[in-house]
C-alpha cells in the first residue's frame, strides 16, 4: 500500500490579523486598525495546508481545545485536505491564538499558547508513523512539552525510516535552549531563517553562525527573504534567487510556505537548487494574500500564480 507523503507535528492556533493600523500601540492609549482577518495560523498548520495544496498527502498531529477556535482549525485543515485524525482535543486548555499587528513587511505578534504547550511525545502517532514518508516539526520553542524529548523524537523517527525536517522558528524567551549539536544529525533538512540561525549560534554574522551549525547538519535550507535562500549540503553551497510577486499583502507564513514548496520538491527527489527555488516560489505566492494559507486555497488560481511567477522570472 502506498505511503502518505507528510506528517506534520506542531502547534495549532488561529491568527487574528490586524492591517491598516493607525500608529503603534501605547500603554493607556487606543489605536484603530482598518482591517481584520481571522485565518488559520501556526507555522505548522500553514506548512501542512500549503503542502496539501501542492499535492502532498498530509496528516497533522497536534492539540487544540474544546472550543470554537478548535472547531475552526479542524474544519479548515480538513477543507484543505489535511487529515486531522491525530489532532487531540483538550478539556484543560484553550486553543492557541496569535494576534498579528501587521505593518507593511514587518509585524508584532502576541500569542496565547494554550493547548500547544501541553503536547508531548506521547501525543505523536508512533504506531502510524510507518505509513508516512516524511516527518516535519515546526515552532519548537512554543511547544514546551517537546523540549526535553526533541532529540529522542527525531532519532526515533529516523529509526522508523522517514526523512525529517525541522523549522525551529523564533524563541519568544530569547534563550535558544536547543542542543543543535545533539539533534541536527537526525534532521535531514534544517530550515532556519537568518535571524534565527544568528541567535541559535550566538554569532554576529550569518557566515559565522553557519560555520558553527554546518558540521552537525545534513542539509541546511536558509531562508533569506528578498535575497532568496541558501542551501548547504556536504560542504557545497547553492544560492537561489527570490521571486517577486506583482501584488504584496503581507509576509505572514511566507517562511512556512517556503517549507512546503521545498519539501514538495524534496520528496520528488529533486536537486537541492530546485528545492530552494520551489520554496522561494511558494514564499512569494504566499505574500499575495492575507495570512499564510489564503493564496493556496484555490488550486486553479494557485497554478495560475505559479505559471505567472515562473514566466516573469525567466523573462526578467
C-alpha atoms as a PDB file:
ATOM      1  CA  UNK A   1       0.000   0.000   0.000  1.00  0.00           C
ATOM      2  CA  UNK A   2       1.319   3.439  -0.921  1.00  0.00           C
ATOM      3  CA  UNK A   3       2.506   5.595   1.964  1.00  0.00           C
ATOM      4  CA  UNK A   4       1.228   9.061   2.751  1.00  0.00           C
ATOM      5  CA  UNK A   5       3.739  11.800   1.991  1.00  0.00           C
ATOM      6  CA  UNK A   6       3.935  14.049   5.022  1.00  0.00           C
ATOM      7  CA  UNK A   7       3.184  14.055   8.742  1.00  0.00           C
ATOM      8  CA  UNK A   8       3.455  17.468  10.378  1.00  0.00           C
ATOM      9  CA  UNK A   9       3.802  17.667  14.154  1.00  0.00           C
ATOM     10  CA  UNK A  10       3.364  21.069  15.688  1.00  0.00           C
ATOM     11  CA  UNK A  11       1.389  23.872  17.248  1.00  0.00           C
ATOM     12  CA  UNK A  12      -2.121  24.904  16.255  1.00  0.00           C
ATOM     13  CA  UNK A  13      -3.657  28.337  16.624  1.00  0.00           C
ATOM     14  CA  UNK A  14      -5.818  30.851  14.821  1.00  0.00           C
ATOM     15  CA  UNK A  15      -4.414  34.165  13.606  1.00  0.00           C
ATOM     16  CA  UNK A  16      -6.294  37.412  14.224  1.00  0.00           C
ATOM     17  CA  UNK A  17      -4.564  39.720  11.716  1.00  0.00           C
ATOM     18  CA  UNK A  18      -4.875  43.490  12.043  1.00  0.00           C
ATOM     19  CA  UNK A  19      -3.947  45.566   8.986  1.00  0.00           C
ATOM     20  CA  UNK A  20      -4.047  49.286   8.303  1.00  0.00           C
ATOM     21  CA  UNK A  21      -3.121  50.089  11.900  1.00  0.00           C
ATOM     22  CA  UNK A  22      -3.064  53.807  12.707  1.00  0.00           C
ATOM     23  CA  UNK A  23       0.134  54.107  14.729  1.00  0.00           C
ATOM     24  CA  UNK A  24       1.837  51.848  17.243  1.00  0.00           C
ATOM     25  CA  UNK A  25       0.278  50.515  20.469  1.00  0.00           C
ATOM     26  CA  UNK A  26       0.974  52.539  23.614  1.00  0.00           C
ATOM     27  CA  UNK A  27       0.043  51.730  27.205  1.00  0.00           C
ATOM     28  CA  UNK A  28      -3.093  53.617  28.209  1.00  0.00           C
ATOM     29  CA  UNK A  29      -3.993  54.619  24.656  1.00  0.00           C
ATOM     30  CA  UNK A  30      -6.225  53.133  21.981  1.00  0.00           C
ATOM     31  CA  UNK A  31      -5.466  52.953  18.264  1.00  0.00           C
ATOM     32  CA  UNK A  32      -7.556  51.732  15.341  1.00  0.00           C
ATOM     33  CA  UNK A  33      -6.986  49.054  12.693  1.00  0.00           C
ATOM     34  CA  UNK A  34      -8.831  49.353   9.381  1.00  0.00           C
ATOM     35  CA  UNK A  35      -8.939  45.647   8.564  1.00  0.00           C
ATOM     36  CA  UNK A  36      -9.316  42.347  10.493  1.00  0.00           C
ATOM     37  CA  UNK A  37      -8.792  38.824   9.168  1.00  0.00           C
ATOM     38  CA  UNK A  38      -9.437  35.588  11.070  1.00  0.00           C
ATOM     39  CA  UNK A  39      -7.490  32.769   9.469  1.00  0.00           C
ATOM     40  CA  UNK A  40      -5.698  29.511  10.131  1.00  0.00           C
ATOM     41  CA  UNK A  41      -2.483  30.308  11.990  1.00  0.00           C
ATOM     42  CA  UNK A  42       0.567  28.479  13.324  1.00  0.00           C
ATOM     43  CA  UNK A  43       3.633  27.789  11.258  1.00  0.00           C
ATOM     44  CA  UNK A  44       2.981  24.052  11.391  1.00  0.00           C
ATOM     45  CA  UNK A  45      -0.605  24.268  10.114  1.00  0.00           C
ATOM     46  CA  UNK A  46       0.350  26.732   7.372  1.00  0.00           C
ATOM     47  CA  UNK A  47       3.079  24.394   6.187  1.00  0.00           C
ATOM     48  CA  UNK A  48       0.718  21.401   6.254  1.00  0.00           C
ATOM     49  CA  UNK A  49      -2.161  23.148   4.470  1.00  0.00           C
ATOM     50  CA  UNK A  50       0.048  24.519   1.722  1.00  0.00           C
ATOM     51  CA  UNK A  51       1.870  21.207   1.260  1.00  0.00           C
ATOM     52  CA  UNK A  52      -1.533  19.569   0.772  1.00  0.00           C
ATOM     53  CA  UNK A  53      -2.413  22.263  -1.776  1.00  0.00           C
ATOM     54  CA  UNK A  54       0.741  21.271  -3.663  1.00  0.00           C
ATOM     55  CA  UNK A  55      -0.451  17.682  -3.841  1.00  0.00           C
ATOM     56  CA  UNK A  56       1.188  16.029  -0.840  1.00  0.00           C
ATOM     57  CA  UNK A  57      -0.974  13.603   1.144  1.00  0.00           C
ATOM     58  CA  UNK A  58      -0.633  15.241   4.532  1.00  0.00           C
ATOM     59  CA  UNK A  59      -1.551  14.429   8.124  1.00  0.00           C
ATOM     60  CA  UNK A  60      -1.267  16.555  11.238  1.00  0.00           C
ATOM     61  CA  UNK A  61      -0.554  15.739  14.889  1.00  0.00           C
ATOM     62  CA  UNK A  62      -1.233  18.499  17.405  1.00  0.00           C
ATOM     63  CA  UNK A  63      -3.580  19.699  20.122  1.00  0.00           C
ATOM     64  CA  UNK A  64      -6.466  22.166  20.337  1.00  0.00           C
ATOM     65  CA  UNK A  65      -9.065  22.968  22.969  1.00  0.00           C
ATOM     66  CA  UNK A  66     -12.734  22.049  23.012  1.00  0.00           C
ATOM     67  CA  UNK A  67     -13.791  25.493  21.818  1.00  0.00           C
ATOM     68  CA  UNK A  68     -14.862  27.416  18.731  1.00  0.00           C
ATOM     69  CA  UNK A  69     -11.325  28.206  17.623  1.00  0.00           C
ATOM     70  CA  UNK A  70     -10.525  24.498  17.851  1.00  0.00           C
ATOM     71  CA  UNK A  71     -13.559  23.735  15.688  1.00  0.00           C
ATOM     72  CA  UNK A  72     -12.436  26.352  13.176  1.00  0.00           C
ATOM     73  CA  UNK A  73      -8.911  24.923  12.936  1.00  0.00           C
ATOM     74  CA  UNK A  74     -10.072  21.335  12.440  1.00  0.00           C
ATOM     75  CA  UNK A  75     -12.669  22.338   9.859  1.00  0.00           C
ATOM     76  CA  UNK A  76     -10.174  24.484   7.960  1.00  0.00           C
ATOM     77  CA  UNK A  77      -7.491  21.790   7.903  1.00  0.00           C
ATOM     78  CA  UNK A  78      -9.983  19.232   6.605  1.00  0.00           C
ATOM     79  CA  UNK A  79     -11.157  21.692   3.955  1.00  0.00           C
ATOM     80  CA  UNK A  80      -7.516  21.987   2.852  1.00  0.00           C
ATOM     81  CA  UNK A  81      -7.227  18.174   2.600  1.00  0.00           C
ATOM     82  CA  UNK A  82      -5.086  17.776   5.727  1.00  0.00           C
ATOM     83  CA  UNK A  83      -6.024  14.757   7.827  1.00  0.00           C
ATOM     84  CA  UNK A  84      -6.778  15.705  11.447  1.00  0.00           C
ATOM     85  CA  UNK A  85      -7.067  12.122  12.697  1.00  0.00           C
ATOM     86  CA  UNK A  86      -4.107  12.703  15.030  1.00  0.00           C
ATOM     87  CA  UNK A  87      -5.173  16.100  16.412  1.00  0.00           C
ATOM     88  CA  UNK A  88      -6.182  15.761  20.059  1.00  0.00           C
ATOM     89  CA  UNK A  89      -8.718  17.963  21.843  1.00  0.00           C
ATOM     90  CA  UNK A  90      -8.070  19.102  25.392  1.00  0.00           C
ATOM     91  CA  UNK A  91     -10.665  19.863  28.064  1.00  0.00           C
ATOM     92  CA  UNK A  92      -7.986  21.542  30.193  1.00  0.00           C
ATOM     93  CA  UNK A  93      -6.511  24.034  27.715  1.00  0.00           C
ATOM     94  CA  UNK A  94      -7.966  26.514  25.255  1.00  0.00           C
ATOM     95  CA  UNK A  95      -6.909  26.667  21.618  1.00  0.00           C
ATOM     96  CA  UNK A  96      -3.950  28.923  20.895  1.00  0.00           C
ATOM     97  CA  UNK A  97      -4.459  32.389  19.421  1.00  0.00           C
ATOM     98  CA  UNK A  98      -1.996  34.810  17.825  1.00  0.00           C
ATOM     99  CA  UNK A  99      -2.870  38.488  17.406  1.00  0.00           C
ATOM    100  CA  UNK A 100      -0.841  39.800  14.466  1.00  0.00           C
ATOM    101  CA  UNK A 101      -0.317  43.556  14.202  1.00  0.00           C
ATOM    102  CA  UNK A 102       0.834  43.943  10.629  1.00  0.00           C
ATOM    103  CA  UNK A 103       2.951  46.919   9.483  1.00  0.00           C
ATOM    104  CA  UNK A 104       3.869  46.559   5.790  1.00  0.00           C
ATOM    105  CA  UNK A 105       6.696  43.972   5.710  1.00  0.00           C
ATOM    106  CA  UNK A 106       7.107  43.854   9.492  1.00  0.00           C
ATOM    107  CA  UNK A 107       4.764  42.826  12.281  1.00  0.00           C
ATOM    108  CA  UNK A 108       4.336  42.385  16.009  1.00  0.00           C
ATOM    109  CA  UNK A 109       2.761  39.187  17.327  1.00  0.00           C
ATOM    110  CA  UNK A 110       1.179  38.345  20.663  1.00  0.00           C
ATOM    111  CA  UNK A 111       0.490  34.641  21.173  1.00  0.00           C
ATOM    112  CA  UNK A 112      -1.589  32.787  23.749  1.00  0.00           C
ATOM    113  CA  UNK A 113      -0.129  29.279  23.583  1.00  0.00           C
ATOM    114  CA  UNK A 114      -2.863  27.300  25.339  1.00  0.00           C
ATOM    115  CA  UNK A 115      -3.073  23.667  24.217  1.00  0.00           C
ATOM    116  CA  UNK A 116       0.096  23.809  22.109  1.00  0.00           C
ATOM    117  CA  UNK A 117       2.225  23.807  25.283  1.00  0.00           C
ATOM    118  CA  UNK A 118       0.574  20.627  26.574  1.00  0.00           C
ATOM    119  CA  UNK A 119       1.515  18.323  23.705  1.00  0.00           C
ATOM    120  CA  UNK A 120       4.198  15.712  24.467  1.00  0.00           C
ATOM    121  CA  UNK A 121       5.821  12.881  22.529  1.00  0.00           C
ATOM    122  CA  UNK A 122       3.045  10.606  23.806  1.00  0.00           C
ATOM    123  CA  UNK A 123       0.658  12.539  21.535  1.00  0.00           C
ATOM    124  CA  UNK A 124       2.675  11.690  18.421  1.00  0.00           C
ATOM    125  CA  UNK A 125       1.053   8.798  16.485  1.00  0.00           C
ATOM    126  CA  UNK A 126       4.019   6.461  16.635  1.00  0.00           C
ATOM    127  CA  UNK A 127       2.047   3.392  15.553  1.00  0.00           C
ATOM    128  CA  UNK A 128       1.022   5.204  12.349  1.00  0.00           C
ATOM    129  CA  UNK A 129       4.454   6.640  11.591  1.00  0.00           C
ATOM    130  CA  UNK A 130       5.416   3.872   9.179  1.00  0.00           C
ATOM    131  CA  UNK A 131       2.533   4.974   6.938  1.00  0.00           C
ATOM    132  CA  UNK A 132       4.344   8.252   6.149  1.00  0.00           C
ATOM    133  CA  UNK A 133       7.427   9.145   4.119  1.00  0.00           C
ATOM    134  CA  UNK A 134       8.439  12.411   5.770  1.00  0.00           C
ATOM    135  CA  UNK A 135       8.177  13.994   9.241  1.00  0.00           C
ATOM    136  CA  UNK A 136       8.215  17.777   9.755  1.00  0.00           C
ATOM    137  CA  UNK A 137       8.225  19.699  13.032  1.00  0.00           C
ATOM    138  CA  UNK A 138       7.800  23.464  13.325  1.00  0.00           C
ATOM    139  CA  UNK A 139       7.898  26.090  16.064  1.00  0.00           C
ATOM    140  CA  UNK A 140       9.809  24.063  18.620  1.00  0.00           C
ATOM    141  CA  UNK A 141      10.120  26.792  21.252  1.00  0.00           C
ATOM    142  CA  UNK A 142       6.358  27.267  21.677  1.00  0.00           C
ATOM    143  CA  UNK A 143       5.863  23.560  22.340  1.00  0.00           C
ATOM    144  CA  UNK A 144       7.230  23.211  25.848  1.00  0.00           C
ATOM    145  CA  UNK A 145       6.071  19.624  26.210  1.00  0.00           C
ATOM    146  CA  UNK A 146       8.530  18.571  23.480  1.00  0.00           C
ATOM    147  CA  UNK A 147      11.615  20.433  24.709  1.00  0.00           C
ATOM    148  CA  UNK A 148      13.260  17.661  26.700  1.00  0.00           C
ATOM    149  CA  UNK A 149      12.433  14.978  24.143  1.00  0.00           C
ATOM    150  CA  UNK A 150      13.267  16.642  20.853  1.00  0.00           C
ATOM    151  CA  UNK A 151      16.422  14.661  20.041  1.00  0.00           C
ATOM    152  CA  UNK A 152      14.786  11.381  21.063  1.00  0.00           C
ATOM    153  CA  UNK A 153      11.814  12.202  18.831  1.00  0.00           C
ATOM    154  CA  UNK A 154      13.921  12.772  15.725  1.00  0.00           C
ATOM    155  CA  UNK A 155      16.130   9.789  16.472  1.00  0.00           C
ATOM    156  CA  UNK A 156      13.078   7.526  16.759  1.00  0.00           C
ATOM    157  CA  UNK A 157      11.501   8.911  13.584  1.00  0.00           C
ATOM    158  CA  UNK A 158      14.710   8.233  11.658  1.00  0.00           C
ATOM    159  CA  UNK A 159      14.825   4.684  13.027  1.00  0.00           C
ATOM    160  CA  UNK A 160      11.359   4.145  11.533  1.00  0.00           C
ATOM    161  CA  UNK A 161      12.660   5.013   8.073  1.00  0.00           C
ATOM    162  CA  UNK A 162      11.248   8.507   7.494  1.00  0.00           C
ATOM    163  CA  UNK A 163      13.089  11.547   6.226  1.00  0.00           C
ATOM    164  CA  UNK A 164      12.845  14.553   8.538  1.00  0.00           C
ATOM    165  CA  UNK A 165      12.824  18.347   8.598  1.00  0.00           C
ATOM    166  CA  UNK A 166      12.826  20.964  11.349  1.00  0.00           C
ATOM    167  CA  UNK A 167      11.977  24.659  11.467  1.00  0.00           C
ATOM    168  CA  UNK A 168      12.732  25.954  14.963  1.00  0.00           C
ATOM    169  CA  UNK A 169      11.150  29.397  14.463  1.00  0.00           C
ATOM    170  CA  UNK A 170      11.802  32.240  16.915  1.00  0.00           C
ATOM    171  CA  UNK A 171      12.256  31.740  20.652  1.00  0.00           C
ATOM    172  CA  UNK A 172       9.961  34.269  22.410  1.00  0.00           C
ATOM    173  CA  UNK A 173      12.050  33.943  25.576  1.00  0.00           C
ATOM    174  CA  UNK A 174      15.228  34.582  23.532  1.00  0.00           C
ATOM    175  CA  UNK A 175      17.018  31.798  25.418  1.00  0.00           C
ATOM    176  CA  UNK A 176      17.516  29.381  22.486  1.00  0.00           C
ATOM    177  CA  UNK A 177      17.802  26.260  24.589  1.00  0.00           C
ATOM    178  CA  UNK A 178      18.135  23.791  21.731  1.00  0.00           C
ATOM    179  CA  UNK A 179      21.108  21.443  21.519  1.00  0.00           C
ATOM    180  CA  UNK A 180      21.675  21.544  17.775  1.00  0.00           C
ATOM    181  CA  UNK A 181      24.873  19.524  18.078  1.00  0.00           C
ATOM    182  CA  UNK A 182      22.914  16.623  19.512  1.00  0.00           C
ATOM    183  CA  UNK A 183      19.692  16.871  17.483  1.00  0.00           C
ATOM    184  CA  UNK A 184      20.600  18.012  13.970  1.00  0.00           C
ATOM    185  CA  UNK A 185      22.395  14.779  12.972  1.00  0.00           C
ATOM    186  CA  UNK A 186      18.901  13.195  12.962  1.00  0.00           C
ATOM    187  CA  UNK A 187      17.353  16.047  10.932  1.00  0.00           C
ATOM    188  CA  UNK A 188      17.646  15.677   7.164  1.00  0.00           C
ATOM    189  CA  UNK A 189      16.691  19.289   6.383  1.00  0.00           C
ATOM    190  CA  UNK A 190      17.167  22.138   8.867  1.00  0.00           C
ATOM    191  CA  UNK A 191      15.157  25.214   7.819  1.00  0.00           C
ATOM    192  CA  UNK A 192      16.034  28.403   9.767  1.00  0.00           C
ATOM    193  CA  UNK A 193      15.995  31.995   8.616  1.00  0.00           C
ATOM    194  CA  UNK A 194      18.906  34.391   9.064  1.00  0.00           C
ATOM    195  CA  UNK A 195      17.730  35.922  12.338  1.00  0.00           C
ATOM    196  CA  UNK A 196      17.074  32.515  13.870  1.00  0.00           C
ATOM    197  CA  UNK A 197      20.432  30.989  12.999  1.00  0.00           C
ATOM    198  CA  UNK A 198      22.230  34.075  14.341  1.00  0.00           C
ATOM    199  CA  UNK A 199      20.534  33.714  17.736  1.00  0.00           C
ATOM    200  CA  UNK A 200      20.868  29.937  17.809  1.00  0.00           C
ATOM    201  CA  UNK A 201      24.615  30.044  17.185  1.00  0.00           C
ATOM    202  CA  UNK A 202      25.097  33.225  19.276  1.00  0.00           C
ATOM    203  CA  UNK A 203      27.077  34.840  16.483  1.00  0.00           C
ATOM    204  CA  UNK A 204      27.073  38.326  14.945  1.00  0.00           C
ATOM    205  CA  UNK A 205      27.290  37.271  11.303  1.00  0.00           C
ATOM    206  CA  UNK A 206      25.352  34.696   9.311  1.00  0.00           C
ATOM    207  CA  UNK A 207      28.586  33.277   7.939  1.00  0.00           C
ATOM    208  CA  UNK A 208      29.975  32.670  11.433  1.00  0.00           C
ATOM    209  CA  UNK A 209      26.658  31.158  12.516  1.00  0.00           C
ATOM    210  CA  UNK A 210      26.680  28.766   9.582  1.00  0.00           C
ATOM    211  CA  UNK A 211      30.229  27.709  10.421  1.00  0.00           C
ATOM    212  CA  UNK A 212      29.028  26.770  13.909  1.00  0.00           C
ATOM    213  CA  UNK A 213      25.952  24.829  12.794  1.00  0.00           C
ATOM    214  CA  UNK A 214      27.022  23.280   9.486  1.00  0.00           C
ATOM    215  CA  UNK A 215      29.247  20.489  10.918  1.00  0.00           C
ATOM    216  CA  UNK A 216      26.212  18.991  12.692  1.00  0.00           C
ATOM    217  CA  UNK A 217      23.618  19.442   9.935  1.00  0.00           C
ATOM    218  CA  UNK A 218      22.840  17.218   6.963  1.00  0.00           C
ATOM    219  CA  UNK A 219      21.202  19.847   4.756  1.00  0.00           C
ATOM    220  CA  UNK A 220      20.575  23.475   5.677  1.00  0.00           C
ATOM    221  CA  UNK A 221      17.912  25.446   3.801  1.00  0.00           C
ATOM    222  CA  UNK A 222      18.474  29.030   4.949  1.00  0.00           C
ATOM    223  CA  UNK A 223      15.642  31.484   4.256  1.00  0.00           C
ATOM    224  CA  UNK A 224      16.855  34.980   3.399  1.00  0.00           C
ATOM    225  CA  UNK A 225      13.686  36.885   2.453  1.00  0.00           C
ATOM    226  CA  UNK A 226      14.118  39.140  -0.554  1.00  0.00           C
ATOM    227  CA  UNK A 227      17.626  37.705  -1.052  1.00  0.00           C
ATOM    228  CA  UNK A 228      16.202  34.249  -1.726  1.00  0.00           C
ATOM    229  CA  UNK A 229      17.601  31.186   0.000  1.00  0.00           C
ATOM    230  CA  UNK A 230      20.841  29.319   0.542  1.00  0.00           C
ATOM    231  CA  UNK A 231      21.278  25.565   0.552  1.00  0.00           C
ATOM    232  CA  UNK A 232      24.244  23.803   2.164  1.00  0.00           C
ATOM    233  CA  UNK A 233      24.913  20.082   1.824  1.00  0.00           C
ATOM    234  CA  UNK A 234      28.159  18.111   2.131  1.00  0.00           C
ATOM    235  CA  UNK A 235      30.141  21.350   2.133  1.00  0.00           C
ATOM    236  CA  UNK A 236      28.585  22.572  -1.123  1.00  0.00           C
ATOM    237  CA  UNK A 237      26.577  25.782  -1.284  1.00  0.00           C
ATOM    238  CA  UNK A 238      23.804  26.735  -3.673  1.00  0.00           C
ATOM    239  CA  UNK A 239      22.011  30.080  -3.628  1.00  0.00           C
ATOM    240  CA  UNK A 240      18.587  30.526  -5.207  1.00  0.00           C
ATOM    241  CA  UNK A 241      17.227  33.972  -6.021  1.00  0.00           C
ATOM    242  CA  UNK A 242      13.826  35.163  -4.849  1.00  0.00           C
ATOM    243  CA  UNK A 243      10.666  35.552  -6.889  1.00  0.00           C
ATOM    244  CA  UNK A 244       8.826  38.883  -6.741  1.00  0.00           C
ATOM    245  CA  UNK A 245       5.056  38.920  -6.957  1.00  0.00           C
ATOM    246  CA  UNK A 246       3.225  41.863  -8.559  1.00  0.00           C
ATOM    247  CA  UNK A 247       0.895  42.135  -5.551  1.00  0.00           C
ATOM    248  CA  UNK A 248       2.074  42.283  -1.943  1.00  0.00           C
ATOM    249  CA  UNK A 249      -0.327  41.995   1.022  1.00  0.00           C
ATOM    250  CA  UNK A 250       1.751  40.588   3.891  1.00  0.00           C
ATOM    251  CA  UNK A 251       4.534  38.094   4.579  1.00  0.00           C
ATOM    252  CA  UNK A 252       2.749  36.155   7.323  1.00  0.00           C
ATOM    253  CA  UNK A 253       3.593  32.482   6.798  1.00  0.00           C
ATOM    254  CA  UNK A 254       5.992  33.099   3.908  1.00  0.00           C
ATOM    255  CA  UNK A 255       8.705  31.026   5.574  1.00  0.00           C
ATOM    256  CA  UNK A 256       6.240  28.199   6.197  1.00  0.00           C
ATOM    257  CA  UNK A 257       5.144  28.331   2.565  1.00  0.00           C
ATOM    258  CA  UNK A 258       8.833  28.113   1.612  1.00  0.00           C
ATOM    259  CA  UNK A 259       8.986  24.945   3.726  1.00  0.00           C
ATOM    260  CA  UNK A 260       6.015  23.402   1.924  1.00  0.00           C
ATOM    261  CA  UNK A 261       7.468  24.167  -1.500  1.00  0.00           C
ATOM    262  CA  UNK A 262      10.914  22.885  -0.570  1.00  0.00           C
ATOM    263  CA  UNK A 263       9.624  19.622   0.911  1.00  0.00           C
ATOM    264  CA  UNK A 264       7.261  19.029  -2.027  1.00  0.00           C
ATOM    265  CA  UNK A 265      10.266  19.002  -4.361  1.00  0.00           C
ATOM    266  CA  UNK A 266      12.458  17.175  -1.853  1.00  0.00           C
ATOM    267  CA  UNK A 267      10.023  14.266  -1.762  1.00  0.00           C
ATOM    268  CA  UNK A 268      10.184  14.113  -5.552  1.00  0.00           C
ATOM    269  CA  UNK A 269      13.928  13.502  -5.276  1.00  0.00           C
ATOM    270  CA  UNK A 270      14.784  16.886  -6.806  1.00  0.00           C
ATOM    271  CA  UNK A 271      18.198  18.507  -6.591  1.00  0.00           C
ATOM    272  CA  UNK A 272      18.832  20.971  -3.761  1.00  0.00           C
ATOM    273  CA  UNK A 273      18.740  24.008  -6.069  1.00  0.00           C
ATOM    274  CA  UNK A 274      15.317  23.033  -7.418  1.00  0.00           C
ATOM    275  CA  UNK A 275      14.015  22.528  -3.881  1.00  0.00           C
ATOM    276  CA  UNK A 276      15.224  26.006  -2.933  1.00  0.00           C
ATOM    277  CA  UNK A 277      13.659  27.634  -5.995  1.00  0.00           C
ATOM    278  CA  UNK A 278      10.324  25.954  -5.361  1.00  0.00           C
ATOM    279  CA  UNK A 279      10.480  27.124  -1.767  1.00  0.00           C
ATOM    280  CA  UNK A 280      11.183  30.685  -2.893  1.00  0.00           C
ATOM    281  CA  UNK A 281       8.298  30.482  -5.368  1.00  0.00           C
ATOM    282  CA  UNK A 282       5.778  29.392  -2.737  1.00  0.00           C
ATOM    283  CA  UNK A 283       7.039  32.017  -0.307  1.00  0.00           C
ATOM    284  CA  UNK A 284       6.409  34.713  -2.919  1.00  0.00           C
ATOM    285  CA  UNK A 285       2.926  33.407  -3.716  1.00  0.00           C
ATOM    286  CA  UNK A 286       2.134  33.436  -0.010  1.00  0.00           C
ATOM    287  CA  UNK A 287       2.613  37.220   0.141  1.00  0.00           C
ATOM    288  CA  UNK A 288      -0.139  37.944  -2.409  1.00  0.00           C
ATOM    289  CA  UNK A 289      -2.992  37.404   0.067  1.00  0.00           C
ATOM    290  CA  UNK A 290      -3.564  37.954   3.798  1.00  0.00           C
ATOM    291  CA  UNK A 291      -2.343  35.254   6.170  1.00  0.00           C
ATOM    292  CA  UNK A 292      -0.385  32.119   5.436  1.00  0.00           C
ATOM    293  CA  UNK A 293      -2.842  29.929   3.507  1.00  0.00           C
ATOM    294  CA  UNK A 294      -5.319  32.103   1.595  1.00  0.00           C
ATOM    295  CA  UNK A 295      -3.123  32.279  -1.533  1.00  0.00           C
ATOM    296  CA  UNK A 296      -3.156  28.453  -1.708  1.00  0.00           C
ATOM    297  CA  UNK A 297      -6.888  27.970  -1.131  1.00  0.00           C
ATOM    298  CA  UNK A 298      -7.965  27.944  -4.794  1.00  0.00           C
ATOM    299  CA  UNK A 299      -5.885  25.368  -6.684  1.00  0.00           C
ATOM    300  CA  UNK A 300      -6.695  26.806 -10.119  1.00  0.00           C
ATOM    301  CA  UNK A 301      -5.703  30.311  -9.043  1.00  0.00           C
ATOM    302  CA  UNK A 302      -2.596  28.866  -7.378  1.00  0.00           C
ATOM    303  CA  UNK A 303      -1.492  27.192 -10.602  1.00  0.00           C
ATOM    304  CA  UNK A 304      -2.008  30.458 -12.482  1.00  0.00           C
ATOM    305  CA  UNK A 305       0.169  32.324  -9.973  1.00  0.00           C
ATOM    306  CA  UNK A 306       2.870  29.653 -10.219  1.00  0.00           C
ATOM    307  CA  UNK A 307       2.963  29.940 -14.009  1.00  0.00           C
ATOM    308  CA  UNK A 308       2.967  33.753 -13.941  1.00  0.00           C
ATOM    309  CA  UNK A 309       5.843  33.988 -11.464  1.00  0.00           C
ATOM    310  CA  UNK A 310       7.882  31.343 -13.254  1.00  0.00           C
ATOM    311  CA  UNK A 311       7.353  33.152 -16.564  1.00  0.00           C
ATOM    312  CA  UNK A 312       8.271  36.544 -15.123  1.00  0.00           C
ATOM    313  CA  UNK A 313      11.462  35.124 -13.656  1.00  0.00           C
ATOM    314  CA  UNK A 314      12.589  33.519 -16.921  1.00  0.00           C
ATOM    315  CA  UNK A 315      11.890  36.705 -18.925  1.00  0.00           C
ATOM    316  CA  UNK A 316      13.374  39.200 -16.447  1.00  0.00           C
END
